[in-house]
């Protein structure tokens, strides 16, 4: 089994280098998209043979560390709604505990790894199809606006039709006014928070790739505020989840530390790339990465079920390869844009 091989070299320089490199790639994706890579950590750890509780707990600890850095940047831009974040935290905390308890219950039955992998296959595949479709059709709603300015009038952002319908239908008090002049029932926010909290606790992700679209399409907040508030909320949900899993021995610092080391550098590169690269040019690759991740987890799980080490290895390389391919596309586009800009400046000077 692939897991036994990894276990034999656990803590070796090769394993540390693998985690640092993977953290670098995931950090680059996180810095560029504000999401888009951290949810690959847990399935990768599962395919490496780690127990489900360790894979999920360590994934949450990694998400917590990356979210702290990203939240500080969005705070400076004025894109964090702390009122919304506080309500989200309350609902998410309960959801995480439900998700965590489900993982340990399934693990006691010997079903955790398989169930989590199946959920990942459908979740990554569904979101990947949606992102790819939007990218190919030219729709950018719900994406991250890298040019968003903290001084921009948030009330000018269009509220999606479905969010408007929810706001008009669900008028159960108490009502709350959020940034961007959005008025919504606290119960809508709580429902979104609880649902994404369950997924966070069950899958070991920050939940941003689910919660951010939910904030936009269910609550109706402007996209920049959804991104900043989501990251702020992930700091708490990731911290709480890490603590709960850590209490049960589910956080392996020998995994988390090298991942965070690589991610810290990758996040800086990804953030810098947003200044020169149009995210729409990369979005189709992002959707492709999610689809590849879905296929990879599926292949790895089939290999594990059949006891086929080759399929497990193929699944692992597909997960890592998909993330590396998108990170490479970002770096390539950044260098190409910089070279093009330098060429125009030189021609103008001449």
C-alpha atoms as a PDB file:
ATOM      1  CA  UNK A   1       0.000   0.000   0.000  1.00  0.00           C
ATOM      2  CA  UNK A   2       1.142   3.558  -0.713  1.00  0.00           C
ATOM      3  CA  UNK A   3       0.401   4.507   2.882  1.00  0.00           C
ATOM      4  CA  UNK A   4       2.932   2.018   4.234  1.00  0.00           C
ATOM      5  CA  UNK A   5       5.636   3.478   2.009  1.00  0.00           C
ATOM      6  CA  UNK A   6       4.888   6.997   3.195  1.00  0.00           C
ATOM      7  CA  UNK A   7       4.781   5.815   6.789  1.00  0.00           C
ATOM      8  CA  UNK A   8       8.236   4.323   6.421  1.00  0.00           C
ATOM      9  CA  UNK A   9       9.748   7.641   5.344  1.00  0.00           C
ATOM     10  CA  UNK A  10       7.603   9.869   7.554  1.00  0.00           C
ATOM     11  CA  UNK A  11       9.695  12.775   8.816  1.00  0.00           C
ATOM     12  CA  UNK A  12      12.437  12.115   6.258  1.00  0.00           C
ATOM     13  CA  UNK A  13      13.918  15.003   4.224  1.00  0.00           C
ATOM     14  CA  UNK A  14      12.072  13.709   1.157  1.00  0.00           C
ATOM     15  CA  UNK A  15       8.706  13.828   2.919  1.00  0.00           C
ATOM     16  CA  UNK A  16       9.389  17.291   4.364  1.00  0.00           C
ATOM     17  CA  UNK A  17      10.405  18.525   0.907  1.00  0.00           C
ATOM     18  CA  UNK A  18       7.186  17.079  -0.545  1.00  0.00           C
ATOM     19  CA  UNK A  19       5.034  18.936   1.984  1.00  0.00           C
ATOM     20  CA  UNK A  20       6.990  22.203   1.595  1.00  0.00           C
ATOM     21  CA  UNK A  21       6.622  22.003  -2.177  1.00  0.00           C
ATOM     22  CA  UNK A  22       2.910  21.199  -1.988  1.00  0.00           C
ATOM     23  CA  UNK A  23       2.427  24.031   0.521  1.00  0.00           C
ATOM     24  CA  UNK A  24       4.226  26.401  -1.868  1.00  0.00           C
ATOM     25  CA  UNK A  25       1.845  25.490  -4.701  1.00  0.00           C
ATOM     26  CA  UNK A  26      -1.272  25.675  -2.510  1.00  0.00           C
ATOM     27  CA  UNK A  27      -0.141  29.010  -1.029  1.00  0.00           C
ATOM     28  CA  UNK A  28       0.367  30.437  -4.516  1.00  0.00           C
ATOM     29  CA  UNK A  29      -3.157  29.395  -5.477  1.00  0.00           C
ATOM     30  CA  UNK A  30      -4.568  30.756  -2.208  1.00  0.00           C
ATOM     31  CA  UNK A  31      -2.779  34.085  -2.667  1.00  0.00           C
ATOM     32  CA  UNK A  32      -4.009  34.443  -6.247  1.00  0.00           C
ATOM     33  CA  UNK A  33      -7.604  33.231  -6.003  1.00  0.00           C
ATOM     34  CA  UNK A  34      -8.305  33.824  -2.309  1.00  0.00           C
ATOM     35  CA  UNK A  35      -9.328  30.176  -2.438  1.00  0.00           C
ATOM     36  CA  UNK A  36      -8.429  27.256  -4.587  1.00  0.00           C
ATOM     37  CA  UNK A  37      -5.985  24.708  -3.240  1.00  0.00           C
ATOM     38  CA  UNK A  38      -6.339  24.239   0.480  1.00  0.00           C
ATOM     39  CA  UNK A  39      -9.178  21.770  -0.138  1.00  0.00           C
ATOM     40  CA  UNK A  40      -6.710  19.548  -2.018  1.00  0.00           C
ATOM     41  CA  UNK A  41      -4.606  18.971   1.110  1.00  0.00           C
ATOM     42  CA  UNK A  42      -7.018  16.593   2.875  1.00  0.00           C
ATOM     43  CA  UNK A  43      -7.606  14.219  -0.076  1.00  0.00           C
ATOM     44  CA  UNK A  44      -3.845  14.216  -0.771  1.00  0.00           C
ATOM     45  CA  UNK A  45      -3.161  13.183   2.840  1.00  0.00           C
ATOM     46  CA  UNK A  46      -5.849  10.500   2.612  1.00  0.00           C
ATOM     47  CA  UNK A  47      -4.192   9.073  -0.491  1.00  0.00           C
ATOM     48  CA  UNK A  48      -0.830   9.190   1.291  1.00  0.00           C
ATOM     49  CA  UNK A  49      -2.296   6.760   3.796  1.00  0.00           C
ATOM     50  CA  UNK A  50      -2.888   9.018   6.798  1.00  0.00           C
ATOM     51  CA  UNK A  51      -5.925   8.253   9.022  1.00  0.00           C
ATOM     52  CA  UNK A  52      -9.025  10.288   8.154  1.00  0.00           C
ATOM     53  CA  UNK A  53      -8.975  12.185  11.474  1.00  0.00           C
ATOM     54  CA  UNK A  54      -5.308  13.198  10.964  1.00  0.00           C
ATOM     55  CA  UNK A  55      -5.876  14.186   7.319  1.00  0.00           C
ATOM     56  CA  UNK A  56      -8.900  16.338   8.195  1.00  0.00           C
ATOM     57  CA  UNK A  57      -7.425  17.834  11.391  1.00  0.00           C
ATOM     58  CA  UNK A  58      -4.081  18.690   9.782  1.00  0.00           C
ATOM     59  CA  UNK A  59      -5.902  20.137   6.773  1.00  0.00           C
ATOM     60  CA  UNK A  60      -7.875  22.447   9.068  1.00  0.00           C
ATOM     61  CA  UNK A  61      -4.716  23.553  10.905  1.00  0.00           C
ATOM     62  CA  UNK A  62      -3.097  24.402   7.563  1.00  0.00           C
ATOM     63  CA  UNK A  63      -6.160  26.373   6.458  1.00  0.00           C
ATOM     64  CA  UNK A  64      -6.103  28.315   9.739  1.00  0.00           C
ATOM     65  CA  UNK A  65      -2.510  29.440   9.231  1.00  0.00           C
ATOM     66  CA  UNK A  66      -2.997  30.590   5.635  1.00  0.00           C
ATOM     67  CA  UNK A  67      -6.243  32.429   6.456  1.00  0.00           C
ATOM     68  CA  UNK A  68      -4.594  34.574   9.165  1.00  0.00           C
ATOM     69  CA  UNK A  69      -2.167  36.092   6.658  1.00  0.00           C
ATOM     70  CA  UNK A  70      -4.804  36.674   3.968  1.00  0.00           C
ATOM     71  CA  UNK A  71      -7.307  38.267   6.381  1.00  0.00           C
ATOM     72  CA  UNK A  72      -4.850  40.986   7.394  1.00  0.00           C
ATOM     73  CA  UNK A  73      -4.568  42.082   3.757  1.00  0.00           C
ATOM     74  CA  UNK A  74      -8.350  42.313   3.307  1.00  0.00           C
ATOM     75  CA  UNK A  75      -8.718  44.178   6.611  1.00  0.00           C
ATOM     76  CA  UNK A  76      -6.430  46.878   5.235  1.00  0.00           C
ATOM     77  CA  UNK A  77      -8.695  47.142   2.171  1.00  0.00           C
ATOM     78  CA  UNK A  78     -11.819  47.538   4.339  1.00  0.00           C
ATOM     79  CA  UNK A  79     -13.351  44.361   2.922  1.00  0.00           C
ATOM     80  CA  UNK A  80     -14.219  42.607   6.201  1.00  0.00           C
ATOM     81  CA  UNK A  81     -17.743  42.860   7.675  1.00  0.00           C
ATOM     82  CA  UNK A  82     -17.131  41.971  11.328  1.00  0.00           C
ATOM     83  CA  UNK A  83     -20.852  41.932  12.154  1.00  0.00           C
ATOM     84  CA  UNK A  84     -21.490  39.322   9.472  1.00  0.00           C
ATOM     85  CA  UNK A  85     -18.356  37.459  10.524  1.00  0.00           C
ATOM     86  CA  UNK A  86     -19.469  37.259  14.174  1.00  0.00           C
ATOM     87  CA  UNK A  87     -22.850  35.748  13.213  1.00  0.00           C
ATOM     88  CA  UNK A  88     -21.162  33.337  10.819  1.00  0.00           C
ATOM     89  CA  UNK A  89     -18.726  32.209  13.499  1.00  0.00           C
ATOM     90  CA  UNK A  90     -21.550  31.240  15.872  1.00  0.00           C
ATOM     91  CA  UNK A  91     -23.305  29.054  13.298  1.00  0.00           C
ATOM     92  CA  UNK A  92     -20.078  27.620  11.906  1.00  0.00           C
ATOM     93  CA  UNK A  93     -18.796  26.556  15.335  1.00  0.00           C
ATOM     94  CA  UNK A  94     -21.832  24.326  15.885  1.00  0.00           C
ATOM     95  CA  UNK A  95     -21.572  22.973  12.335  1.00  0.00           C
ATOM     96  CA  UNK A  96     -17.876  22.104  12.734  1.00  0.00           C
ATOM     97  CA  UNK A  97     -18.565  20.074  15.873  1.00  0.00           C
ATOM     98  CA  UNK A  98     -21.310  18.151  14.032  1.00  0.00           C
ATOM     99  CA  UNK A  99     -18.942  17.496  11.119  1.00  0.00           C
ATOM    100  CA  UNK A 100     -16.083  16.474  13.443  1.00  0.00           C
ATOM    101  CA  UNK A 101     -18.281  14.072  15.404  1.00  0.00           C
ATOM    102  CA  UNK A 102     -19.428  12.526  12.111  1.00  0.00           C
ATOM    103  CA  UNK A 103     -15.812  11.883  11.041  1.00  0.00           C
ATOM    104  CA  UNK A 104     -14.918  10.083  14.276  1.00  0.00           C
ATOM    105  CA  UNK A 105     -18.171   8.083  14.188  1.00  0.00           C
ATOM    106  CA  UNK A 106     -17.526   6.960  10.610  1.00  0.00           C
ATOM    107  CA  UNK A 107     -13.908   6.225  11.506  1.00  0.00           C
ATOM    108  CA  UNK A 108     -15.080   3.907  14.305  1.00  0.00           C
ATOM    109  CA  UNK A 109     -17.030   2.038  11.632  1.00  0.00           C
ATOM    110  CA  UNK A 110     -14.043   1.992   9.281  1.00  0.00           C
ATOM    111  CA  UNK A 111     -15.912   4.070   6.687  1.00  0.00           C
ATOM    112  CA  UNK A 112     -14.499   7.588   7.164  1.00  0.00           C
ATOM    113  CA  UNK A 113     -11.858   7.603   4.436  1.00  0.00           C
ATOM    114  CA  UNK A 114     -14.190   6.222   1.785  1.00  0.00           C
ATOM    115  CA  UNK A 115     -17.149   8.472   2.616  1.00  0.00           C
ATOM    116  CA  UNK A 116     -15.014  11.632   2.763  1.00  0.00           C
ATOM    117  CA  UNK A 117     -13.399  10.753  -0.561  1.00  0.00           C
ATOM    118  CA  UNK A 118     -16.772  10.208  -2.239  1.00  0.00           C
ATOM    119  CA  UNK A 119     -18.055  13.563  -0.941  1.00  0.00           C
ATOM    120  CA  UNK A 120     -14.902  15.211  -2.298  1.00  0.00           C
ATOM    121  CA  UNK A 121     -15.421  13.639  -5.722  1.00  0.00           C
ATOM    122  CA  UNK A 122     -18.930  15.059  -6.089  1.00  0.00           C
ATOM    123  CA  UNK A 123     -18.116  18.411  -4.445  1.00  0.00           C
ATOM    124  CA  UNK A 124     -14.966  19.141  -6.451  1.00  0.00           C
ATOM    125  CA  UNK A 125     -16.560  17.849  -9.642  1.00  0.00           C
ATOM    126  CA  UNK A 126     -19.717  19.927  -9.230  1.00  0.00           C
ATOM    127  CA  UNK A 127     -17.929  23.155  -8.356  1.00  0.00           C
ATOM    128  CA  UNK A 128     -15.314  22.499 -11.049  1.00  0.00           C
ATOM    129  CA  UNK A 129     -18.013  22.162 -13.710  1.00  0.00           C
ATOM    130  CA  UNK A 130     -19.697  25.368 -12.522  1.00  0.00           C
ATOM    131  CA  UNK A 131     -16.454  27.401 -12.514  1.00  0.00           C
ATOM    132  CA  UNK A 132     -15.360  26.046 -15.903  1.00  0.00           C
ATOM    133  CA  UNK A 133     -18.771  26.794 -17.431  1.00  0.00           C
ATOM    134  CA  UNK A 134     -18.725  30.357 -16.080  1.00  0.00           C
ATOM    135  CA  UNK A 135     -15.165  30.860 -17.326  1.00  0.00           C
ATOM    136  CA  UNK A 136     -15.939  29.640 -20.836  1.00  0.00           C
ATOM    137  CA  UNK A 137     -19.144  31.712 -20.990  1.00  0.00           C
ATOM    138  CA  UNK A 138     -17.316  34.814 -19.798  1.00  0.00           C
ATOM    139  CA  UNK A 139     -19.362  35.149 -16.584  1.00  0.00           C
ATOM    140  CA  UNK A 140     -17.320  36.395 -13.664  1.00  0.00           C
ATOM    141  CA  UNK A 141     -20.015  36.774 -11.008  1.00  0.00           C
ATOM    142  CA  UNK A 142     -18.889  35.401  -7.682  1.00  0.00           C
ATOM    143  CA  UNK A 143     -15.231  35.613  -8.615  1.00  0.00           C
ATOM    144  CA  UNK A 144     -12.636  37.623  -6.837  1.00  0.00           C
ATOM    145  CA  UNK A 145     -12.115  41.146  -7.999  1.00  0.00           C
ATOM    146  CA  UNK A 146      -8.400  41.771  -7.647  1.00  0.00           C
ATOM    147  CA  UNK A 147      -8.896  45.410  -8.544  1.00  0.00           C
ATOM    148  CA  UNK A 148     -11.429  46.005  -5.777  1.00  0.00           C
ATOM    149  CA  UNK A 149     -10.636  49.151  -3.852  1.00  0.00           C
ATOM    150  CA  UNK A 150     -11.551  49.571  -0.214  1.00  0.00           C
ATOM    151  CA  UNK A 151     -12.884  53.054  -0.989  1.00  0.00           C
ATOM    152  CA  UNK A 152     -15.280  51.805  -3.670  1.00  0.00           C
ATOM    153  CA  UNK A 153     -19.001  52.256  -2.955  1.00  0.00           C
ATOM    154  CA  UNK A 154     -20.051  48.716  -2.068  1.00  0.00           C
ATOM    155  CA  UNK A 155     -23.728  49.560  -2.552  1.00  0.00           C
ATOM    156  CA  UNK A 156     -23.068  49.799  -6.308  1.00  0.00           C
ATOM    157  CA  UNK A 157     -22.498  46.031  -6.569  1.00  0.00           C
ATOM    158  CA  UNK A 158     -25.438  44.152  -8.094  1.00  0.00           C
ATOM    159  CA  UNK A 159     -27.166  41.661  -5.800  1.00  0.00           C
ATOM    160  CA  UNK A 160     -27.817  38.304  -7.531  1.00  0.00           C
ATOM    161  CA  UNK A 161     -31.473  37.632  -8.295  1.00  0.00           C
ATOM    162  CA  UNK A 162     -31.605  34.541  -6.078  1.00  0.00           C
ATOM    163  CA  UNK A 163     -30.245  36.530  -3.105  1.00  0.00           C
ATOM    164  CA  UNK A 164     -32.856  39.239  -3.659  1.00  0.00           C
ATOM    165  CA  UNK A 165     -35.566  36.586  -3.701  1.00  0.00           C
ATOM    166  CA  UNK A 166     -34.297  35.087  -0.434  1.00  0.00           C
ATOM    167  CA  UNK A 167     -34.143  38.535   1.220  1.00  0.00           C
ATOM    168  CA  UNK A 168     -37.737  39.274   0.169  1.00  0.00           C
ATOM    169  CA  UNK A 169     -39.053  35.841   1.185  1.00  0.00           C
ATOM    170  CA  UNK A 170     -37.267  35.191   4.490  1.00  0.00           C
ATOM    171  CA  UNK A 171     -38.141  38.185   6.689  1.00  0.00           C
ATOM    172  CA  UNK A 172     -37.923  36.384  10.038  1.00  0.00           C
ATOM    173  CA  UNK A 173     -36.575  38.762  12.709  1.00  0.00           C
ATOM    174  CA  UNK A 174     -34.082  39.719  13.854  1.00  0.00           C
ATOM    175  CA  UNK A 175     -32.976  41.485  10.681  1.00  0.00           C
ATOM    176  CA  UNK A 176     -29.479  42.897  10.271  1.00  0.00           C
ATOM    177  CA  UNK A 177     -27.939  45.465   7.894  1.00  0.00           C
ATOM    178  CA  UNK A 178     -24.573  44.495   6.425  1.00  0.00           C
ATOM    179  CA  UNK A 179     -21.928  46.394   4.472  1.00  0.00           C
ATOM    180  CA  UNK A 180     -23.203  47.427   1.058  1.00  0.00           C
ATOM    181  CA  UNK A 181     -26.648  48.293   2.487  1.00  0.00           C
ATOM    182  CA  UNK A 182     -27.679  44.633   2.497  1.00  0.00           C
ATOM    183  CA  UNK A 183     -30.527  43.812   4.883  1.00  0.00           C
ATOM    184  CA  UNK A 184     -31.122  40.135   5.630  1.00  0.00           C
ATOM    185  CA  UNK A 185     -32.513  37.840   8.322  1.00  0.00           C
ATOM    186  CA  UNK A 186     -30.012  36.547  10.876  1.00  0.00           C
ATOM    187  CA  UNK A 187     -31.525  33.099  10.338  1.00  0.00           C
ATOM    188  CA  UNK A 188     -30.416  33.067   6.682  1.00  0.00           C
ATOM    189  CA  UNK A 189     -26.847  33.849   7.747  1.00  0.00           C
ATOM    190  CA  UNK A 190     -26.989  31.195  10.461  1.00  0.00           C
ATOM    191  CA  UNK A 191     -28.260  28.539   8.034  1.00  0.00           C
ATOM    192  CA  UNK A 192     -25.422  29.290   5.601  1.00  0.00           C
ATOM    193  CA  UNK A 193     -22.875  29.258   8.436  1.00  0.00           C
ATOM    194  CA  UNK A 194     -24.097  25.967   9.910  1.00  0.00           C
ATOM    195  CA  UNK A 195     -24.191  24.174   6.549  1.00  0.00           C
ATOM    196  CA  UNK A 196     -20.683  25.251   5.560  1.00  0.00           C
ATOM    197  CA  UNK A 197     -19.461  24.569   9.091  1.00  0.00           C
ATOM    198  CA  UNK A 198     -20.574  20.945   8.823  1.00  0.00           C
ATOM    199  CA  UNK A 199     -18.632  20.627   5.559  1.00  0.00           C
ATOM    200  CA  UNK A 200     -15.574  22.301   7.116  1.00  0.00           C
ATOM    201  CA  UNK A 201     -15.562  19.926  10.057  1.00  0.00           C
ATOM    202  CA  UNK A 202     -16.261  16.883   7.897  1.00  0.00           C
ATOM    203  CA  UNK A 203     -13.853  17.577   5.041  1.00  0.00           C
ATOM    204  CA  UNK A 204     -11.085  19.487   6.825  1.00  0.00           C
ATOM    205  CA  UNK A 205     -11.379  22.596   4.638  1.00  0.00           C
ATOM    206  CA  UNK A 206     -11.858  26.234   5.485  1.00  0.00           C
ATOM    207  CA  UNK A 207     -15.060  26.065   3.460  1.00  0.00           C
ATOM    208  CA  UNK A 208     -14.251  29.206   1.488  1.00  0.00           C
ATOM    209  CA  UNK A 209     -14.855  27.655  -1.932  1.00  0.00           C
ATOM    210  CA  UNK A 210     -18.385  26.885  -0.729  1.00  0.00           C
ATOM    211  CA  UNK A 211     -19.080  29.650   1.790  1.00  0.00           C
ATOM    212  CA  UNK A 212     -17.942  32.591  -0.350  1.00  0.00           C
ATOM    213  CA  UNK A 213     -20.400  31.833  -3.199  1.00  0.00           C
ATOM    214  CA  UNK A 214     -23.065  31.203  -0.531  1.00  0.00           C
ATOM    215  CA  UNK A 215     -22.470  34.675   0.938  1.00  0.00           C
ATOM    216  CA  UNK A 216     -22.905  36.191  -2.501  1.00  0.00           C
ATOM    217  CA  UNK A 217     -25.835  34.151  -3.810  1.00  0.00           C
ATOM    218  CA  UNK A 218     -27.736  33.397  -0.564  1.00  0.00           C
ATOM    219  CA  UNK A 219     -26.955  36.400   1.650  1.00  0.00           C
ATOM    220  CA  UNK A 220     -26.332  38.961  -1.108  1.00  0.00           C
ATOM    221  CA  UNK A 221     -23.175  40.705   0.141  1.00  0.00           C
ATOM    222  CA  UNK A 222     -20.800  42.333  -2.393  1.00  0.00           C
ATOM    223  CA  UNK A 223     -18.072  40.016  -3.695  1.00  0.00           C
ATOM    224  CA  UNK A 224     -15.102  41.869  -2.083  1.00  0.00           C
ATOM    225  CA  UNK A 225     -16.846  41.785   1.317  1.00  0.00           C
ATOM    226  CA  UNK A 226     -17.705  38.099   0.829  1.00  0.00           C
ATOM    227  CA  UNK A 227     -14.038  37.299   0.226  1.00  0.00           C
ATOM    228  CA  UNK A 228     -12.676  39.341   3.137  1.00  0.00           C
ATOM    229  CA  UNK A 229     -15.340  38.234   5.624  1.00  0.00           C
ATOM    230  CA  UNK A 230     -15.000  34.620   4.543  1.00  0.00           C
ATOM    231  CA  UNK A 231     -11.265  34.690   5.243  1.00  0.00           C
ATOM    232  CA  UNK A 232     -11.894  36.353   8.629  1.00  0.00           C
ATOM    233  CA  UNK A 233     -14.410  33.617   9.460  1.00  0.00           C
ATOM    234  CA  UNK A 234     -11.980  30.907   8.340  1.00  0.00           C
ATOM    235  CA  UNK A 235      -9.475  32.169  10.918  1.00  0.00           C
ATOM    236  CA  UNK A 236     -11.957  31.244  13.652  1.00  0.00           C
ATOM    237  CA  UNK A 237     -13.492  28.130  12.072  1.00  0.00           C
ATOM    238  CA  UNK A 238     -10.048  26.807  11.188  1.00  0.00           C
ATOM    239  CA  UNK A 239      -8.723  27.634  14.654  1.00  0.00           C
ATOM    240  CA  UNK A 240     -11.683  26.018  16.422  1.00  0.00           C
ATOM    241  CA  UNK A 241     -11.563  22.967  14.176  1.00  0.00           C
ATOM    242  CA  UNK A 242      -7.806  22.603  14.673  1.00  0.00           C
ATOM    243  CA  UNK A 243      -8.233  22.801  18.446  1.00  0.00           C
ATOM    244  CA  UNK A 244     -11.030  20.215  18.504  1.00  0.00           C
ATOM    245  CA  UNK A 245      -9.110  17.810  16.282  1.00  0.00           C
ATOM    246  CA  UNK A 246      -5.885  18.502  18.187  1.00  0.00           C
ATOM    247  CA  UNK A 247      -7.585  17.503  21.435  1.00  0.00           C
ATOM    248  CA  UNK A 248      -8.274  14.124  19.837  1.00  0.00           C
ATOM    249  CA  UNK A 249      -4.784  13.761  18.363  1.00  0.00           C
ATOM    250  CA  UNK A 250      -5.916  14.685  14.863  1.00  0.00           C
ATOM    251  CA  UNK A 251      -3.322  17.408  14.123  1.00  0.00           C
ATOM    252  CA  UNK A 252       0.143  16.271  13.007  1.00  0.00           C
ATOM    253  CA  UNK A 253       2.568  19.184  13.266  1.00  0.00           C
ATOM    254  CA  UNK A 254       5.140  17.321  11.162  1.00  0.00           C
ATOM    255  CA  UNK A 255       2.640  17.743   8.309  1.00  0.00           C
ATOM    256  CA  UNK A 256       1.314  21.214   9.113  1.00  0.00           C
ATOM    257  CA  UNK A 257       4.655  22.974   9.738  1.00  0.00           C
ATOM    258  CA  UNK A 258       6.280  22.265   6.327  1.00  0.00           C
ATOM    259  CA  UNK A 259       2.985  22.946   4.549  1.00  0.00           C
ATOM    260  CA  UNK A 260       2.731  26.366   6.217  1.00  0.00           C
ATOM    261  CA  UNK A 261       6.401  27.117   5.525  1.00  0.00           C
ATOM    262  CA  UNK A 262       5.883  26.577   1.804  1.00  0.00           C
ATOM    263  CA  UNK A 263       2.500  28.303   1.823  1.00  0.00           C
ATOM    264  CA  UNK A 264       3.876  31.509   3.381  1.00  0.00           C
ATOM    265  CA  UNK A 265       6.187  32.010   0.402  1.00  0.00           C
ATOM    266  CA  UNK A 266       3.629  30.849  -2.149  1.00  0.00           C
ATOM    267  CA  UNK A 267       0.967  33.235  -0.837  1.00  0.00           C
ATOM    268  CA  UNK A 268       3.301  36.199  -1.336  1.00  0.00           C
ATOM    269  CA  UNK A 269       4.003  35.153  -4.919  1.00  0.00           C
ATOM    270  CA  UNK A 270       0.315  34.588  -5.626  1.00  0.00           C
ATOM    271  CA  UNK A 271      -0.697  37.944  -4.133  1.00  0.00           C
ATOM    272  CA  UNK A 272       1.956  39.741  -6.190  1.00  0.00           C
ATOM    273  CA  UNK A 273       0.723  37.991  -9.345  1.00  0.00           C
ATOM    274  CA  UNK A 274      -2.771  39.456  -8.900  1.00  0.00           C
ATOM    275  CA  UNK A 275      -1.359  42.903  -9.663  1.00  0.00           C
ATOM    276  CA  UNK A 276      -0.321  41.944 -13.185  1.00  0.00           C
ATOM    277  CA  UNK A 277      -2.492  38.989 -14.283  1.00  0.00           C
ATOM    278  CA  UNK A 278      -6.191  39.039 -15.171  1.00  0.00           C
ATOM    279  CA  UNK A 279      -7.830  36.331 -13.044  1.00  0.00           C
ATOM    280  CA  UNK A 280     -10.333  35.583 -15.836  1.00  0.00           C
ATOM    281  CA  UNK A 281      -7.433  34.306 -17.957  1.00  0.00           C
ATOM    282  CA  UNK A 282      -6.680  31.680 -15.328  1.00  0.00           C
ATOM    283  CA  UNK A 283     -10.203  30.813 -14.165  1.00  0.00           C
ATOM    284  CA  UNK A 284     -10.686  28.081 -16.745  1.00  0.00           C
ATOM    285  CA  UNK A 285      -7.512  26.400 -15.453  1.00  0.00           C
ATOM    286  CA  UNK A 286      -8.841  26.713 -11.916  1.00  0.00           C
ATOM    287  CA  UNK A 287     -12.039  24.931 -12.908  1.00  0.00           C
ATOM    288  CA  UNK A 288      -9.957  22.309 -14.681  1.00  0.00           C
ATOM    289  CA  UNK A 289      -7.914  21.819 -11.511  1.00  0.00           C
ATOM    290  CA  UNK A 290     -11.076  21.101  -9.515  1.00  0.00           C
ATOM    291  CA  UNK A 291     -12.255  18.599 -12.118  1.00  0.00           C
ATOM    292  CA  UNK A 292      -8.845  16.923 -12.155  1.00  0.00           C
ATOM    293  CA  UNK A 293      -8.911  16.839  -8.368  1.00  0.00           C
ATOM    294  CA  UNK A 294     -12.305  15.145  -8.472  1.00  0.00           C
ATOM    295  CA  UNK A 295     -11.033  12.502 -10.893  1.00  0.00           C
ATOM    296  CA  UNK A 296      -7.840  12.053  -8.854  1.00  0.00           C
ATOM    297  CA  UNK A 297      -9.691  11.428  -5.597  1.00  0.00           C
ATOM    298  CA  UNK A 298     -12.010   9.007  -7.373  1.00  0.00           C
ATOM    299  CA  UNK A 299      -9.122   7.070  -8.928  1.00  0.00           C
ATOM    300  CA  UNK A 300      -7.260   6.974  -5.614  1.00  0.00           C
ATOM    301  CA  UNK A 301     -10.325   5.716  -3.758  1.00  0.00           C
ATOM    302  CA  UNK A 302     -10.955   2.983  -6.332  1.00  0.00           C
ATOM    303  CA  UNK A 303      -7.307   1.961  -6.018  1.00  0.00           C
ATOM    304  CA  UNK A 304      -7.602   1.839  -2.234  1.00  0.00           C
ATOM    305  CA  UNK A 305     -10.793  -0.237  -2.430  1.00  0.00           C
ATOM    306  CA  UNK A 306      -9.216  -2.708  -4.873  1.00  0.00           C
ATOM    307  CA  UNK A 307      -5.868  -2.704  -3.094  1.00  0.00           C
ATOM    308  CA  UNK A 308      -4.219  -1.506  -6.309  1.00  0.00           C
ATOM    309  CA  UNK A 309      -1.125   0.536  -5.413  1.00  0.00           C
ATOM    310  CA  UNK A 310      -0.708   1.781  -8.995  1.00  0.00           C
ATOM    311  CA  UNK A 311      -4.144   3.440  -9.028  1.00  0.00           C
ATOM    312  CA  UNK A 312      -3.479   5.003  -5.614  1.00  0.00           C
ATOM    313  CA  UNK A 313      -0.218   6.430  -6.927  1.00  0.00           C
ATOM    314  CA  UNK A 314      -1.887   7.727 -10.104  1.00  0.00           C
ATOM    315  CA  UNK A 315      -4.574   9.437  -7.993  1.00  0.00           C
ATOM    316  CA  UNK A 316      -1.947  11.106  -5.801  1.00  0.00           C
ATOM    317  CA  UNK A 317       0.020  12.399  -8.786  1.00  0.00           C
ATOM    318  CA  UNK A 318      -3.160  13.703 -10.422  1.00  0.00           C
ATOM    319  CA  UNK A 319      -3.999  15.750  -7.300  1.00  0.00           C
ATOM    320  CA  UNK A 320      -0.518  17.231  -7.040  1.00  0.00           C
ATOM    321  CA  UNK A 321      -0.159  17.579 -10.812  1.00  0.00           C
ATOM    322  CA  UNK A 322      -3.419  19.525 -11.147  1.00  0.00           C
ATOM    323  CA  UNK A 323      -2.347  22.042  -8.505  1.00  0.00           C
ATOM    324  CA  UNK A 324       1.151  22.362  -9.988  1.00  0.00           C
ATOM    325  CA  UNK A 325      -0.271  22.888 -13.494  1.00  0.00           C
ATOM    326  CA  UNK A 326      -2.476  25.806 -12.412  1.00  0.00           C
ATOM    327  CA  UNK A 327       0.296  27.327 -10.289  1.00  0.00           C
ATOM    328  CA  UNK A 328       2.603  27.049 -13.298  1.00  0.00           C
ATOM    329  CA  UNK A 329       0.016  28.765 -15.499  1.00  0.00           C
ATOM    330  CA  UNK A 330      -0.152  31.663 -13.027  1.00  0.00           C
ATOM    331  CA  UNK A 331       3.630  32.047 -12.893  1.00  0.00           C
ATOM    332  CA  UNK A 332       3.906  31.752 -16.691  1.00  0.00           C
ATOM    333  CA  UNK A 333       1.190  34.364 -17.262  1.00  0.00           C
ATOM    334  CA  UNK A 334       2.831  36.676 -14.727  1.00  0.00           C
ATOM    335  CA  UNK A 335       6.249  36.436 -16.398  1.00  0.00           C
ATOM    336  CA  UNK A 336       4.718  36.853 -19.863  1.00  0.00           C
ATOM    337  CA  UNK A 337       2.780  39.954 -18.775  1.00  0.00           C
ATOM    338  CA  UNK A 338       5.852  41.474 -17.117  1.00  0.00           C
ATOM    339  CA  UNK A 339       7.952  40.777 -20.211  1.00  0.00           C
ATOM    340  CA  UNK A 340       5.291  42.325 -22.446  1.00  0.00           C
ATOM    341  CA  UNK A 341       5.020  45.388 -20.218  1.00  0.00           C
ATOM    342  CA  UNK A 342       8.799  45.794 -20.124  1.00  0.00           C
ATOM    343  CA  UNK A 343       8.904  45.528 -23.922  1.00  0.00           C
ATOM    344  CA  UNK A 344       6.299  48.300 -24.332  1.00  0.00           C
ATOM    345  CA  UNK A 345       8.139  50.536 -21.878  1.00  0.00           C
ATOM    346  CA  UNK A 346      11.414  49.974 -23.749  1.00  0.00           C
ATOM    347  CA  UNK A 347       9.769  50.732 -27.102  1.00  0.00           C
ATOM    348  CA  UNK A 348       8.231  53.921 -25.704  1.00  0.00           C
ATOM    349  CA  UNK A 349      11.570  55.016 -24.298  1.00  0.00           C
ATOM    350  CA  UNK A 350      13.294  54.436 -27.630  1.00  0.00           C
END
